[in-house]
Protein backbone atom coordinates (compact mmCIF):
# COMPACT_ATOMS: atom_id res chain seq x y z
CA MET A 1 2.82 -11.69 6.62
CA ARG A 2 5.41 -14.40 6.09
CA ALA A 3 7.56 -12.93 8.87
CA ALA A 4 4.74 -13.48 11.35
CA GLU A 5 4.04 -16.96 10.02
CA ASN A 6 7.73 -17.85 10.47
CA HIS A 7 7.97 -16.22 13.92
CA ILE A 8 10.58 -13.61 12.96
CA THR A 9 8.57 -10.54 13.95
CA ASN A 10 11.32 -9.11 16.14
CA VAL A 11 13.54 -8.58 13.06
CA ILE A 12 11.26 -6.32 11.03
CA ARG A 13 10.72 -3.10 12.95
CA GLY A 14 8.50 -1.44 10.39
CA ILE A 15 7.32 -1.29 6.80
CA CYS A 16 6.83 1.67 4.52
CA LEU A 17 4.41 1.31 1.61
CA VAL A 18 5.01 4.13 -0.88
CA HIS A 19 2.12 4.46 -3.32
CA PRO A 20 0.90 0.89 -2.82
CA PHE A 21 -0.41 -0.81 -5.94
CA PHE A 22 -3.21 -2.93 -4.50
CA TRP A 23 -6.03 -3.83 -6.86
CA GLY A 24 -9.27 -5.79 -7.14
CA SER A 25 -12.13 -6.61 -9.48
CA GLU A 26 -14.56 -4.20 -7.82
CA PRO A 27 -13.91 -0.48 -8.49
CA PHE A 28 -12.85 1.33 -5.35
CA GLY A 29 -12.88 5.09 -4.74
CA SER A 30 -11.70 6.86 -7.88
CA GLU A 31 -10.96 3.70 -9.90
CA ILE A 32 -14.04 4.04 -12.09
CA ASP A 33 -12.25 4.96 -15.34
CA MET A 34 -12.54 1.81 -17.45
CA ASP A 35 -9.41 2.54 -19.52
CA PHE A 36 -7.40 2.93 -16.31
CA ARG A 37 -8.89 -0.29 -14.95
CA ALA A 38 -8.06 -2.22 -18.14
CA LEU A 39 -4.47 -0.93 -18.16
CA THR A 40 -3.98 -1.70 -14.47
CA GLU A 41 -5.32 -5.23 -14.83
CA LYS A 42 -3.02 -5.81 -17.79
CA MET A 43 -0.06 -4.55 -15.74
CA TRP A 44 -0.98 -6.91 -12.89
CA SER A 45 -1.05 -9.83 -15.36
CA PHE A 46 2.54 -8.99 -16.36
CA MET A 47 3.77 -8.40 -12.81
CA TYR A 48 2.14 -11.48 -11.33
CA PRO A 49 1.36 -13.92 -14.16
CA SER A 50 0.58 -16.85 -11.88
CA ALA A 51 -2.38 -14.98 -10.35
CA LYS A 52 -5.57 -16.37 -11.79
CA ARG A 53 -7.41 -13.10 -11.29
CA VAL A 54 -6.93 -9.61 -9.82
CA ASP A 55 -8.66 -10.73 -6.64
CA ASP A 56 -5.67 -12.87 -5.76
CA PRO A 57 -4.43 -11.99 -2.24
CA MET A 58 -1.14 -10.72 -3.73
CA CYS A 59 -3.13 -8.07 -5.63
CA ASN A 60 -5.92 -7.54 -3.15
CA PRO A 61 -5.09 -8.33 0.48
CA PHE A 62 -8.75 -8.07 1.52
CA VAL A 63 -10.37 -10.78 -0.58
CA PRO A 64 -12.03 -13.71 1.17
CA GLY A 65 -9.40 -16.32 1.93
CA ALA A 66 -6.51 -13.84 2.11
CA PRO A 67 -4.33 -14.03 5.23
CA SER A 68 -5.50 -11.62 7.90
CA ILE A 69 -3.44 -8.45 8.03
CA SER A 70 -3.75 -8.65 11.80
CA ILE A 71 -0.70 -10.95 11.76
CA LEU A 72 1.48 -8.39 9.96
CA GLY A 73 4.94 -9.08 11.34
CA CYS A 74 6.16 -5.64 12.34
CA LYS A 75 5.55 -2.96 14.96
CA ARG A 76 5.17 0.12 12.75
CA VAL A 77 3.61 0.90 9.36
CA LEU A 78 3.80 4.00 7.17
CA VAL A 79 1.55 4.16 4.09
CA CYS A 80 2.22 7.01 1.65
CA VAL A 81 -0.34 7.95 -1.00
CA ALA A 82 -0.58 10.65 -3.64
CA GLY A 83 -3.72 12.79 -3.69
CA LYS A 84 -4.25 12.56 -7.46
CA ASP A 85 -3.47 8.84 -7.64
CA PRO A 86 -6.53 6.71 -8.44
CA LEU A 87 -5.01 4.02 -6.20
CA LYS A 88 -4.88 6.25 -3.12
CA HIS A 89 -8.20 5.01 -1.76
CA ARG A 90 -6.88 1.47 -1.50
CA GLY A 91 -3.88 2.75 0.47
CA GLY A 92 -6.21 4.57 2.85
CA PHE A 93 -8.41 1.48 3.10
CA TYR A 94 -5.34 -0.59 4.00
CA VAL A 95 -4.64 1.77 6.93
CA LYS A 96 -8.27 1.67 8.06
CA GLU A 97 -8.45 -2.12 7.86
CA LEU A 98 -5.11 -2.59 9.61
CA LYS A 99 -6.37 -0.47 12.51
CA ARG A 100 -9.61 -2.46 12.60
CA SER A 101 -7.96 -5.86 12.30
CA GLY A 102 -6.64 -6.25 15.81
CA TRP A 103 -3.05 -5.90 14.60
CA LYS A 104 -0.69 -5.82 17.59
CA GLY A 105 1.60 -3.14 16.18
CA GLU A 106 2.41 0.12 17.88
CA GLU A 107 2.06 2.74 15.15
CA ILE A 108 0.35 3.21 11.81
CA GLU A 109 0.57 6.41 9.83
CA LEU A 110 -0.95 7.62 6.56
CA PHE A 111 0.92 10.35 4.69
CA GLU A 112 -0.76 12.00 1.70
CA SER A 113 0.93 14.22 -0.88
CA GLU A 114 -2.31 15.96 -1.80
CA GLU A 115 -1.47 17.60 -5.14
CA ASP A 116 0.58 14.82 -6.69
CA GLU A 117 0.26 11.79 -8.98
CA HIS A 118 1.33 8.17 -8.46
CA GLU A 119 5.14 7.89 -8.17
CA PHE A 120 5.68 11.66 -8.61
CA HIS A 121 8.81 11.46 -6.46
CA LEU A 122 10.53 9.26 -9.06
CA TYR A 123 10.06 11.84 -11.82
CA ASN A 124 10.87 14.95 -9.78
CA PRO A 125 12.93 13.87 -6.76
CA ASP A 126 14.13 17.43 -6.14
CA GLY A 127 10.62 18.89 -6.04
CA GLU A 128 9.09 20.24 -2.86
CA SER A 129 6.51 17.45 -2.56
CA ALA A 130 9.14 14.76 -3.07
CA GLN A 131 11.35 16.34 -0.42
CA LEU A 132 8.44 16.34 2.05
CA LEU A 133 7.77 12.68 1.26
CA PHE A 134 11.44 11.79 1.73
CA LYS A 135 11.53 13.64 5.07
CA CYS A 136 8.46 11.74 6.24
CA ILE A 137 10.03 8.42 5.27
CA ALA A 138 13.37 9.35 6.87
CA SER A 139 11.61 10.37 10.08
CA PHE A 140 9.73 7.07 10.12
CA LEU A 141 12.91 5.07 9.53
CA ASN A 142 14.83 6.94 12.24
CA LYS A 143 12.30 6.36 15.03
């Protein structure tokens, strides 16, 4: 977003969001577990202590008053989600909203590792699912 605001969009060719950690005060998709919600909100308060609430645009890019994602300063976007990750629906929503926003980019892709948990590739980088994820990212980066 800041790249577009500062007119340096020709420098960033693409972004890859791997298991994005967006959040918000309203439960979304599979985020209905209250213990999970409480833990996630506590983690956000540690990661971004200056946010007054979880509906800060840094946590939730779709709250009223957040900068429009239509100005995203790159040409390509890859969003990777894990099928058993409660946060996956927000990643999918990001893709849907970016497509709907009027963003001037050329390519947006959603990659889902259906049978895996959030950040599985960090715990088992040699596993088959992690290797597929890495190949997808490498392919995206090499375009």
